[in-house]
Amino acid sequence: MCVWITIMVLMLNGRTYRKVGRCLLHLVKTGGMRSGSKMVNLVRLAILLPVLAVASYTDYRRHEISNRACAFLVIMGVAMPLLPFWDITWKEAVYASLITITIGFIFFLLGQGAGDAKLFAGIASIIGYNILRVAVTAFVLSGIVALLLLVARKINYKSSLPMAPAISIATLICLLMT
């Protein structure tokens, strides 16, 4: 809950954002932020949350995920290792993205949307190899939702469901659990 409130304050108040930025800069300079800390996950959430919210909304409404949003995530994922407190290297970010987009292409051939594969690759560039945990959680969540909707007769077996909301929720769960 504290993370959500912090992110909302960051998004709503520019002065607070600058104060938190100065605080982060001070922590980095003094060595107060260690890799793998909760603060790194907070930075990840601050990057991912707006993009995942937009991707989920557009996927739910129009069944498409913006290429710009996915490209933004990949660029941020490759640029963030330049910060001294970041816990993954840029090579790990690039490799995780390439492996994820390759696996995503296989899933695309099996019927999953290409936007979902691109979104997974963007998230992988930021969180690294933890994307496997996110993918498994997302598939389990979407399977449970699909099963519940089938039992409630809201959809039939030929219906398509947006995957981005499940990916977003799985990402948040995995980041908050670590």
N, C-alpha and C. Protein backbone atom coordinates (compact mmCIF):
# COMPACT_ATOMS: atom_id res chain seq x y z
N MET A 1 0.82 -1.19 0.00
CA MET A 1 0.00 0.00 0.00
C MET A 1 0.87 1.25 0.00
N CYS A 2 1.95 1.20 0.77
CA CYS A 2 2.85 2.35 0.85
C CYS A 2 3.45 2.66 -0.52
N VAL A 3 3.75 1.63 -1.30
CA VAL A 3 4.32 1.84 -2.63
C VAL A 3 3.33 2.56 -3.53
N TRP A 4 2.05 2.15 -3.48
CA TRP A 4 1.04 2.79 -4.31
C TRP A 4 0.89 4.26 -3.95
N ILE A 5 0.85 4.57 -2.66
CA ILE A 5 0.71 5.96 -2.22
C ILE A 5 1.91 6.77 -2.68
N THR A 6 3.11 6.22 -2.54
CA THR A 6 4.32 6.92 -2.97
C THR A 6 4.28 7.21 -4.46
N ILE A 7 3.87 6.23 -5.25
CA ILE A 7 3.82 6.42 -6.70
C ILE A 7 2.77 7.46 -7.07
N MET A 8 1.62 7.43 -6.40
CA MET A 8 0.58 8.43 -6.69
C MET A 8 1.07 9.84 -6.35
N VAL A 9 1.78 9.99 -5.22
CA VAL A 9 2.31 11.30 -4.84
C VAL A 9 3.34 11.76 -5.86
N LEU A 10 4.18 10.82 -6.32
CA LEU A 10 5.18 11.18 -7.33
C LEU A 10 4.53 11.65 -8.61
N MET A 11 3.44 11.01 -8.99
CA MET A 11 2.79 11.37 -10.24
C MET A 11 2.01 12.67 -10.13
N LEU A 12 1.50 13.00 -8.94
CA LEU A 12 0.63 14.15 -8.80
C LEU A 12 1.36 15.44 -8.46
N ASN A 13 2.48 15.37 -7.78
CA ASN A 13 3.11 16.56 -7.27
C ASN A 13 4.54 16.66 -7.78
N GLY A 14 4.83 17.64 -8.61
CA GLY A 14 6.15 17.80 -9.19
C GLY A 14 7.21 18.13 -8.17
N ARG A 15 6.87 18.97 -7.15
CA ARG A 15 7.85 19.31 -6.13
C ARG A 15 8.25 18.08 -5.33
N THR A 16 7.29 17.26 -5.00
CA THR A 16 7.59 16.03 -4.26
C THR A 16 8.49 15.14 -5.10
N TYR A 17 8.24 15.10 -6.40
CA TYR A 17 9.06 14.29 -7.29
C TYR A 17 10.50 14.78 -7.26
N ARG A 18 10.71 16.09 -7.28
CA ARG A 18 12.06 16.64 -7.23
C ARG A 18 12.72 16.33 -5.90
N LYS A 19 11.96 16.40 -4.81
CA LYS A 19 12.52 16.09 -3.49
C LYS A 19 12.94 14.63 -3.41
N VAL A 20 12.11 13.74 -3.91
CA VAL A 20 12.47 12.32 -3.90
C VAL A 20 13.68 12.08 -4.80
N GLY A 21 13.75 12.78 -5.92
CA GLY A 21 14.91 12.66 -6.81
C GLY A 21 16.19 13.10 -6.12
N ARG A 22 16.13 14.22 -5.38
CA ARG A 22 17.31 14.67 -4.64
C ARG A 22 17.68 13.67 -3.55
N CYS A 23 16.68 13.10 -2.90
CA CYS A 23 16.92 12.10 -1.86
C CYS A 23 17.59 10.86 -2.47
N LEU A 24 17.08 10.40 -3.62
CA LEU A 24 17.69 9.26 -4.30
C LEU A 24 19.14 9.56 -4.69
N LEU A 25 19.38 10.77 -5.21
CA LEU A 25 20.73 11.15 -5.61
C LEU A 25 21.66 11.15 -4.40
N HIS A 26 21.17 11.66 -3.27
CA HIS A 26 21.98 11.66 -2.05
C HIS A 26 22.28 10.22 -1.60
N LEU A 27 21.27 9.36 -1.67
CA LEU A 27 21.49 7.96 -1.28
C LEU A 27 22.52 7.29 -2.16
N VAL A 28 22.48 7.59 -3.46
CA VAL A 28 23.44 6.99 -4.38
C VAL A 28 24.84 7.50 -4.10
N LYS A 29 24.97 8.82 -3.89
CA LYS A 29 26.29 9.40 -3.65
C LYS A 29 26.92 8.90 -2.35
N THR A 30 26.09 8.72 -1.33
CA THR A 30 26.62 8.29 -0.04
C THR A 30 26.71 6.78 0.09
N GLY A 31 26.23 6.07 -0.92
CA GLY A 31 26.29 4.61 -0.86
C GLY A 31 25.19 4.02 0.00
N GLY A 32 24.15 4.79 0.28
CA GLY A 32 23.08 4.31 1.14
C GLY A 32 22.12 3.36 0.44
N MET A 33 22.18 3.27 -0.87
CA MET A 33 21.28 2.38 -1.60
C MET A 33 22.08 1.19 -2.12
N ARG A 34 21.71 0.04 -1.73
CA ARG A 34 22.39 -1.17 -2.16
C ARG A 34 21.60 -1.83 -3.27
N SER A 35 22.29 -2.57 -4.11
CA SER A 35 21.59 -3.27 -5.19
C SER A 35 20.68 -4.32 -4.62
N GLY A 36 19.54 -4.51 -5.25
CA GLY A 36 18.57 -5.48 -4.78
C GLY A 36 17.69 -4.97 -3.66
N SER A 37 17.81 -3.69 -3.34
CA SER A 37 17.03 -3.15 -2.23
C SER A 37 15.60 -2.85 -2.68
N LYS A 38 14.76 -2.55 -1.71
CA LYS A 38 13.38 -2.20 -2.01
C LYS A 38 13.31 -0.91 -2.82
N MET A 39 14.30 -0.03 -2.66
CA MET A 39 14.30 1.22 -3.41
C MET A 39 14.46 0.97 -4.90
N VAL A 40 15.27 -0.03 -5.27
CA VAL A 40 15.44 -0.36 -6.69
C VAL A 40 14.10 -0.84 -7.25
N ASN A 41 13.37 -1.64 -6.47
CA ASN A 41 12.05 -2.08 -6.93
C ASN A 41 11.07 -0.93 -7.01
N LEU A 42 11.22 0.07 -6.13
CA LEU A 42 10.38 1.25 -6.21
C LEU A 42 10.64 2.02 -7.50
N VAL A 43 11.92 2.13 -7.87
CA VAL A 43 12.27 2.79 -9.14
C VAL A 43 11.70 1.99 -10.31
N ARG A 44 11.81 0.66 -10.23
CA ARG A 44 11.23 -0.18 -11.28
C ARG A 44 9.72 0.06 -11.39
N LEU A 45 9.05 0.10 -10.25
CA LEU A 45 7.60 0.34 -10.27
C LEU A 45 7.27 1.71 -10.84
N ALA A 46 8.07 2.72 -10.51
CA ALA A 46 7.81 4.06 -11.02
C ALA A 46 7.95 4.10 -12.54
N ILE A 47 8.84 3.28 -13.10
CA ILE A 47 8.99 3.22 -14.56
C ILE A 47 7.86 2.39 -15.17
N LEU A 48 7.58 1.24 -14.56
CA LEU A 48 6.65 0.28 -15.16
C LEU A 48 5.19 0.65 -15.00
N LEU A 49 4.81 1.21 -13.86
CA LEU A 49 3.40 1.40 -13.55
C LEU A 49 2.63 2.21 -14.59
N PRO A 50 3.10 3.39 -15.00
CA PRO A 50 2.33 4.14 -16.01
C PRO A 50 2.24 3.40 -17.35
N VAL A 51 3.32 2.78 -17.77
CA VAL A 51 3.32 2.08 -19.06
C VAL A 51 2.40 0.86 -19.01
N LEU A 52 2.45 0.12 -17.90
CA LEU A 52 1.59 -1.05 -17.77
C LEU A 52 0.12 -0.66 -17.68
N ALA A 53 -0.17 0.47 -17.04
CA ALA A 53 -1.56 0.93 -16.96
C ALA A 53 -2.10 1.27 -18.34
N VAL A 54 -1.31 1.98 -19.13
CA VAL A 54 -1.74 2.35 -20.49
C VAL A 54 -1.85 1.10 -21.36
N ALA A 55 -0.89 0.20 -21.26
CA ALA A 55 -0.92 -1.02 -22.07
C ALA A 55 -2.13 -1.88 -21.71
N SER A 56 -2.44 -1.98 -20.42
CA SER A 56 -3.59 -2.77 -20.00
C SER A 56 -4.89 -2.16 -20.52
N TYR A 57 -5.00 -0.84 -20.42
CA TYR A 57 -6.22 -0.18 -20.87
C TYR A 57 -6.42 -0.35 -22.37
N THR A 58 -5.36 -0.09 -23.15
CA THR A 58 -5.52 -0.19 -24.60
C THR A 58 -5.72 -1.64 -25.05
N ASP A 59 -5.09 -2.57 -24.35
CA ASP A 59 -5.29 -3.97 -24.69
C ASP A 59 -6.71 -4.41 -24.36
N TYR A 60 -7.24 -3.92 -23.27
CA TYR A 60 -8.61 -4.26 -22.89
C TYR A 60 -9.62 -3.65 -23.86
N ARG A 61 -9.40 -2.40 -24.25
CA ARG A 61 -10.36 -1.70 -25.13
C ARG A 61 -10.23 -2.06 -26.61
N ARG A 62 -8.97 -2.10 -27.10
CA ARG A 62 -8.77 -2.25 -28.55
C ARG A 62 -7.99 -3.48 -28.95
N HIS A 63 -7.56 -4.28 -27.99
CA HIS A 63 -6.75 -5.48 -28.25
C HIS A 63 -5.47 -5.15 -29.01
N GLU A 64 -4.80 -4.07 -28.57
CA GLU A 64 -3.49 -3.73 -29.15
C GLU A 64 -2.65 -3.06 -28.07
N ILE A 65 -1.34 -3.27 -28.17
CA ILE A 65 -0.39 -2.67 -27.24
C ILE A 65 0.56 -1.81 -28.06
N SER A 66 0.77 -0.59 -27.62
CA SER A 66 1.56 0.39 -28.36
C SER A 66 3.02 -0.05 -28.50
N ASN A 67 3.55 0.11 -29.70
CA ASN A 67 4.97 -0.16 -29.94
C ASN A 67 5.84 0.84 -29.19
N ARG A 68 5.36 2.07 -29.06
CA ARG A 68 6.13 3.11 -28.36
C ARG A 68 6.30 2.77 -26.89
N ALA A 69 5.25 2.23 -26.29
CA ALA A 69 5.34 1.86 -24.87
C ALA A 69 6.37 0.75 -24.67
N CYS A 70 6.35 -0.24 -25.53
CA CYS A 70 7.31 -1.35 -25.41
C CYS A 70 8.72 -0.87 -25.70
N ALA A 71 8.89 0.00 -26.69
CA ALA A 71 10.22 0.53 -27.00
C ALA A 71 10.74 1.39 -25.84
N PHE A 72 9.85 2.16 -25.21
CA PHE A 72 10.24 2.96 -24.05
C PHE A 72 10.78 2.06 -22.94
N LEU A 73 10.09 0.95 -22.68
CA LEU A 73 10.54 0.04 -21.63
C LEU A 73 11.91 -0.56 -21.95
N VAL A 74 12.12 -0.94 -23.21
CA VAL A 74 13.41 -1.52 -23.60
C VAL A 74 14.52 -0.48 -23.46
N ILE A 75 14.27 0.74 -23.90
CA ILE A 75 15.28 1.80 -23.80
C ILE A 75 15.60 2.10 -22.34
N MET A 76 14.57 2.18 -21.50
CA MET A 76 14.81 2.43 -20.08
C MET A 76 15.55 1.25 -19.45
N GLY A 77 15.21 0.04 -19.85
CA GLY A 77 15.87 -1.13 -19.31
C GLY A 77 17.34 -1.20 -19.66
N VAL A 78 17.70 -0.72 -20.84
CA VAL A 78 19.10 -0.73 -21.25
C VAL A 78 19.85 0.47 -20.66
N ALA A 79 19.14 1.58 -20.42
CA ALA A 79 19.78 2.78 -19.88
C ALA A 79 19.94 2.74 -18.35
N MET A 80 19.03 2.08 -17.65
CA MET A 80 19.07 2.10 -16.19
C MET A 80 20.33 1.47 -15.59
N PRO A 81 20.94 0.47 -16.20
CA PRO A 81 22.19 -0.05 -15.61
C PRO A 81 23.32 0.97 -15.53
N LEU A 82 23.18 2.12 -16.16
CA LEU A 82 24.18 3.18 -16.02
C LEU A 82 24.17 3.78 -14.62
N LEU A 83 23.06 3.63 -13.90
CA LEU A 83 23.00 4.11 -12.52
C LEU A 83 23.83 3.19 -11.63
N PRO A 84 24.54 3.75 -10.68
CA PRO A 84 25.44 2.91 -9.87
C PRO A 84 24.73 1.92 -8.95
N PHE A 85 23.46 2.16 -8.63
CA PHE A 85 22.77 1.27 -7.70
C PHE A 85 21.95 0.19 -8.39
N TRP A 86 21.89 0.22 -9.71
CA TRP A 86 21.05 -0.74 -10.44
C TRP A 86 21.64 -2.13 -10.30
N ASP A 87 20.80 -3.14 -10.13
CA ASP A 87 21.30 -4.46 -9.78
C ASP A 87 21.44 -5.43 -10.96
N ILE A 88 21.14 -4.99 -12.18
CA ILE A 88 21.40 -5.84 -13.35
C ILE A 88 22.26 -5.04 -14.33
N THR A 89 23.04 -5.76 -15.13
CA THR A 89 23.90 -5.10 -16.10
C THR A 89 23.12 -4.87 -17.40
N TRP A 90 23.68 -4.03 -18.26
CA TRP A 90 22.97 -3.78 -19.52
C TRP A 90 22.98 -5.03 -20.39
N LYS A 91 24.02 -5.85 -20.27
CA LYS A 91 24.05 -7.10 -21.05
C LYS A 91 22.93 -8.03 -20.61
N GLU A 92 22.73 -8.12 -19.30
CA GLU A 92 21.64 -8.96 -18.81
C GLU A 92 20.29 -8.43 -19.29
N ALA A 93 20.13 -7.10 -19.32
CA ALA A 93 18.88 -6.51 -19.79
C ALA A 93 18.65 -6.83 -21.27
N VAL A 94 19.70 -6.71 -22.07
CA VAL A 94 19.57 -6.99 -23.51
C VAL A 94 19.32 -8.48 -23.74
N TYR A 95 20.08 -9.33 -23.06
CA TYR A 95 19.90 -10.78 -23.24
C TYR A 95 18.51 -11.23 -22.78
N ALA A 96 18.06 -10.70 -21.65
CA ALA A 96 16.72 -11.07 -21.17
C ALA A 96 15.66 -10.64 -22.17
N SER A 97 15.82 -9.45 -22.75
CA SER A 97 14.86 -8.99 -23.76
C SER A 97 14.89 -9.86 -25.00
N LEU A 98 16.08 -10.19 -25.48
CA LEU A 98 16.19 -11.01 -26.69
C LEU A 98 15.64 -12.42 -26.48
N ILE A 99 15.95 -13.00 -25.35
CA ILE A 99 15.42 -14.34 -25.06
C ILE A 99 13.90 -14.29 -24.95
N THR A 100 13.40 -13.25 -24.28
CA THR A 100 11.95 -13.12 -24.10
C THR A 100 11.25 -12.88 -25.42
N ILE A 101 11.80 -12.04 -26.28
CA ILE A 101 11.14 -11.78 -27.56
C ILE A 101 11.19 -13.02 -28.45
N THR A 102 12.25 -13.83 -28.33
CA THR A 102 12.32 -15.07 -29.10
C THR A 102 11.26 -16.06 -28.64
N ILE A 103 11.15 -16.22 -27.33
CA ILE A 103 10.10 -17.11 -26.80
C ILE A 103 8.72 -16.53 -27.12
N GLY A 104 8.59 -15.21 -27.03
CA GLY A 104 7.33 -14.57 -27.38
C GLY A 104 6.94 -14.78 -28.83
N PHE A 105 7.94 -14.82 -29.74
CA PHE A 105 7.65 -15.08 -31.14
C PHE A 105 7.10 -16.49 -31.33
N ILE A 106 7.65 -17.43 -30.55
CA ILE A 106 7.11 -18.80 -30.62
C ILE A 106 5.66 -18.83 -30.15
N PHE A 107 5.39 -18.11 -29.05
CA PHE A 107 4.00 -18.03 -28.57
C PHE A 107 3.11 -17.30 -29.58
N PHE A 108 3.68 -16.32 -30.29
CA PHE A 108 2.92 -15.61 -31.32
C PHE A 108 2.51 -16.57 -32.43
N LEU A 109 3.42 -17.46 -32.79
CA LEU A 109 3.08 -18.46 -33.81
C LEU A 109 2.00 -19.42 -33.32
N LEU A 110 1.91 -19.60 -32.02
CA LEU A 110 0.90 -20.47 -31.44
C LEU A 110 -0.43 -19.76 -31.16
N GLY A 111 -0.47 -18.42 -31.36
CA GLY A 111 -1.73 -17.73 -31.23
C GLY A 111 -1.77 -16.57 -30.26
N GLN A 112 -0.72 -16.36 -29.49
CA GLN A 112 -0.71 -15.20 -28.59
C GLN A 112 -0.40 -13.95 -29.40
N GLY A 113 -0.83 -12.79 -28.90
CA GLY A 113 -0.61 -11.55 -29.61
C GLY A 113 0.84 -11.12 -29.62
N ALA A 114 1.23 -10.41 -30.67
CA ALA A 114 2.60 -9.91 -30.77
C ALA A 114 2.86 -8.81 -29.75
N GLY A 115 1.85 -8.01 -29.43
CA GLY A 115 2.01 -6.96 -28.43
C GLY A 115 2.35 -7.52 -27.07
N ASP A 116 1.78 -8.66 -26.73
CA ASP A 116 2.09 -9.30 -25.45
C ASP A 116 3.55 -9.71 -25.39
N ALA A 117 4.07 -10.24 -26.48
CA ALA A 117 5.48 -10.63 -26.54
C ALA A 117 6.38 -9.41 -26.40
N LYS A 118 6.02 -8.31 -27.07
CA LYS A 118 6.81 -7.09 -26.97
C LYS A 118 6.76 -6.52 -25.55
N LEU A 119 5.60 -6.60 -24.92
CA LEU A 119 5.47 -6.10 -23.54
C LEU A 119 6.31 -6.94 -22.59
N PHE A 120 6.30 -8.26 -22.77
CA PHE A 120 7.16 -9.12 -21.96
C PHE A 120 8.63 -8.75 -22.16
N ALA A 121 9.05 -8.47 -23.39
CA ALA A 121 10.44 -8.10 -23.66
C ALA A 121 10.81 -6.78 -22.99
N GLY A 122 9.90 -5.82 -23.02
CA GLY A 122 10.15 -4.54 -22.35
C GLY A 122 10.28 -4.70 -20.85
N ILE A 123 9.42 -5.51 -20.27
CA ILE A 123 9.49 -5.75 -18.83
C ILE A 123 10.78 -6.50 -18.50
N ALA A 124 11.16 -7.46 -19.34
CA ALA A 124 12.38 -8.24 -19.11
C ALA A 124 13.62 -7.35 -19.11
N SER A 125 13.63 -6.30 -19.93
CA SER A 125 14.80 -5.43 -19.95
C SER A 125 14.95 -4.66 -18.64
N ILE A 126 13.86 -4.50 -17.90
CA ILE A 126 13.92 -3.76 -16.64
C ILE A 126 14.15 -4.69 -15.45
N ILE A 127 13.51 -5.85 -15.45
CA ILE A 127 13.63 -6.72 -14.28
C ILE A 127 14.59 -7.88 -14.49
N GLY A 128 15.11 -8.05 -15.69
CA GLY A 128 16.09 -9.10 -15.94
C GLY A 128 15.45 -10.47 -16.08
N TYR A 129 16.17 -11.47 -15.57
CA TYR A 129 15.72 -12.84 -15.74
C TYR A 129 14.56 -13.21 -14.83
N ASN A 130 14.12 -12.31 -13.97
CA ASN A 130 12.91 -12.56 -13.17
C ASN A 130 11.66 -12.57 -14.03
N ILE A 131 11.82 -12.33 -15.31
CA ILE A 131 10.67 -12.33 -16.22
C ILE A 131 10.02 -13.70 -16.27
N LEU A 132 10.78 -14.74 -15.99
CA LEU A 132 10.20 -16.09 -15.98
C LEU A 132 9.11 -16.20 -14.90
N ARG A 133 9.40 -15.64 -13.73
CA ARG A 133 8.40 -15.63 -12.66
C ARG A 133 7.16 -14.83 -13.07
N VAL A 134 7.39 -13.70 -13.73
CA VAL A 134 6.28 -12.86 -14.17
C VAL A 134 5.45 -13.60 -15.22
N ALA A 135 6.10 -14.27 -16.16
CA ALA A 135 5.38 -14.97 -17.22
C ALA A 135 4.53 -16.10 -16.66
N VAL A 136 5.11 -16.89 -15.77
CA VAL A 136 4.34 -18.00 -15.18
C VAL A 136 3.15 -17.46 -14.40
N THR A 137 3.37 -16.42 -13.61
CA THR A 137 2.27 -15.82 -12.84
C THR A 137 1.20 -15.25 -13.76
N ALA A 138 1.61 -14.60 -14.85
CA ALA A 138 0.64 -14.02 -15.79
C ALA A 138 -0.20 -15.10 -16.47
N PHE A 139 0.45 -16.19 -16.88
CA PHE A 139 -0.30 -17.26 -17.53
C PHE A 139 -1.25 -17.95 -16.56
N VAL A 140 -0.83 -18.12 -15.31
CA VAL A 140 -1.71 -18.72 -14.31
C VAL A 140 -2.90 -17.80 -14.04
N LEU A 141 -2.64 -16.49 -13.88
CA LEU A 141 -3.73 -15.54 -13.64
C LEU A 141 -4.72 -15.50 -14.81
N SER A 142 -4.20 -15.44 -16.02
CA SER A 142 -5.11 -15.38 -17.17
C SER A 142 -5.87 -16.69 -17.32
N GLY A 143 -5.26 -17.81 -16.99
CA GLY A 143 -5.96 -19.09 -17.03
C GLY A 143 -7.09 -19.16 -16.02
N ILE A 144 -6.83 -18.65 -14.82
CA ILE A 144 -7.88 -18.64 -13.79
C ILE A 144 -9.03 -17.75 -14.21
N VAL A 145 -8.71 -16.56 -14.73
CA VAL A 145 -9.77 -15.64 -15.18
C VAL A 145 -10.56 -16.26 -16.33
N ALA A 146 -9.87 -16.87 -17.28
CA ALA A 146 -10.57 -17.50 -18.40
C ALA A 146 -11.47 -18.63 -17.93
N LEU A 147 -10.99 -19.43 -17.00
CA LEU A 147 -11.79 -20.53 -16.46
C LEU A 147 -13.03 -20.01 -15.73
N LEU A 148 -12.84 -18.97 -14.93
CA LEU A 148 -13.99 -18.39 -14.23
C LEU A 148 -15.02 -17.80 -15.20
N LEU A 149 -14.54 -17.15 -16.25
CA LEU A 149 -15.46 -16.58 -17.24
C LEU A 149 -16.16 -17.66 -18.04
N LEU A 150 -15.47 -18.76 -18.30
CA LEU A 150 -16.11 -19.88 -19.00
C LEU A 150 -17.19 -20.52 -18.14
N VAL A 151 -16.90 -20.70 -16.86
CA VAL A 151 -17.88 -21.29 -15.95
C VAL A 151 -19.09 -20.38 -15.80
N ALA A 152 -18.85 -19.07 -15.77
CA ALA A 152 -19.94 -18.10 -15.64
C ALA A 152 -20.66 -17.86 -16.97
N ARG A 153 -20.18 -18.50 -18.03
CA ARG A 153 -20.76 -18.39 -19.38
C ARG A 153 -20.74 -16.95 -19.92
N LYS A 154 -19.72 -16.20 -19.55
CA LYS A 154 -19.53 -14.85 -20.08
C LYS A 154 -18.76 -14.87 -21.40
N ILE A 155 -17.98 -15.94 -21.60
CA ILE A 155 -17.24 -16.12 -22.84
C ILE A 155 -17.40 -17.57 -23.28
N ASN A 156 -17.03 -17.83 -24.54
CA ASN A 156 -16.97 -19.23 -24.99
C ASN A 156 -15.52 -19.58 -25.28
N TYR A 157 -15.27 -20.79 -25.68
CA TYR A 157 -13.89 -21.24 -25.85
C TYR A 157 -13.19 -20.59 -27.03
N LYS A 158 -13.93 -19.90 -27.90
CA LYS A 158 -13.32 -19.22 -29.05
C LYS A 158 -13.00 -17.75 -28.75
N SER A 159 -13.41 -17.26 -27.61
CA SER A 159 -13.20 -15.85 -27.26
C SER A 159 -11.72 -15.57 -27.00
N SER A 160 -11.35 -14.32 -27.25
CA SER A 160 -9.98 -13.91 -26.94
C SER A 160 -10.01 -12.93 -25.77
N LEU A 161 -9.09 -13.09 -24.87
CA LEU A 161 -8.99 -12.23 -23.70
C LEU A 161 -7.72 -11.40 -23.78
N PRO A 162 -7.77 -10.15 -23.33
CA PRO A 162 -6.53 -9.35 -23.31
C PRO A 162 -5.56 -9.90 -22.27
N MET A 163 -4.30 -9.97 -22.64
CA MET A 163 -3.28 -10.53 -21.75
C MET A 163 -2.55 -9.46 -20.95
N ALA A 164 -2.52 -8.22 -21.43
CA ALA A 164 -1.76 -7.16 -20.76
C ALA A 164 -2.20 -6.91 -19.32
N PRO A 165 -3.51 -6.96 -18.98
CA PRO A 165 -3.85 -6.79 -17.57
C PRO A 165 -3.26 -7.89 -16.68
N ALA A 166 -3.24 -9.12 -17.16
CA ALA A 166 -2.64 -10.21 -16.38
C ALA A 166 -1.13 -10.03 -16.27
N ILE A 167 -0.50 -9.57 -17.35
CA ILE A 167 0.94 -9.31 -17.31
C ILE A 167 1.25 -8.20 -16.31
N SER A 168 0.43 -7.15 -16.31
CA SER A 168 0.64 -6.03 -15.39
C SER A 168 0.49 -6.46 -13.94
N ILE A 169 -0.57 -7.19 -13.65
CA ILE A 169 -0.80 -7.64 -12.27
C ILE A 169 0.31 -8.60 -11.84
N ALA A 170 0.73 -9.49 -12.73
CA ALA A 170 1.81 -10.43 -12.40
C ALA A 170 3.12 -9.69 -12.14
N THR A 171 3.40 -8.66 -12.92
CA THR A 171 4.61 -7.87 -12.71
C THR A 171 4.59 -7.19 -11.36
N LEU A 172 3.45 -6.60 -11.03
CA LEU A 172 3.33 -5.93 -9.73
C LEU A 172 3.48 -6.92 -8.58
N ILE A 173 2.84 -8.08 -8.71
CA ILE A 173 2.94 -9.10 -7.66
C ILE A 173 4.39 -9.54 -7.48
N CYS A 174 5.07 -9.81 -8.59
CA CYS A 174 6.45 -10.30 -8.49
C CYS A 174 7.40 -9.24 -7.96
N LEU A 175 7.19 -7.97 -8.30
CA LEU A 175 8.06 -6.92 -7.78
C LEU A 175 7.79 -6.64 -6.31
N LEU A 176 6.54 -6.73 -5.90
CA LEU A 176 6.22 -6.47 -4.50
C LEU A 176 6.59 -7.63 -3.60
N MET A 177 6.70 -8.83 -4.16
CA MET A 177 7.06 -10.00 -3.36
C MET A 177 8.57 -10.14 -3.17
N THR A 178 9.38 -9.44 -3.97
CA THR A 178 10.83 -9.55 -3.82
C THR A 178 11.39 -8.42 -3.01
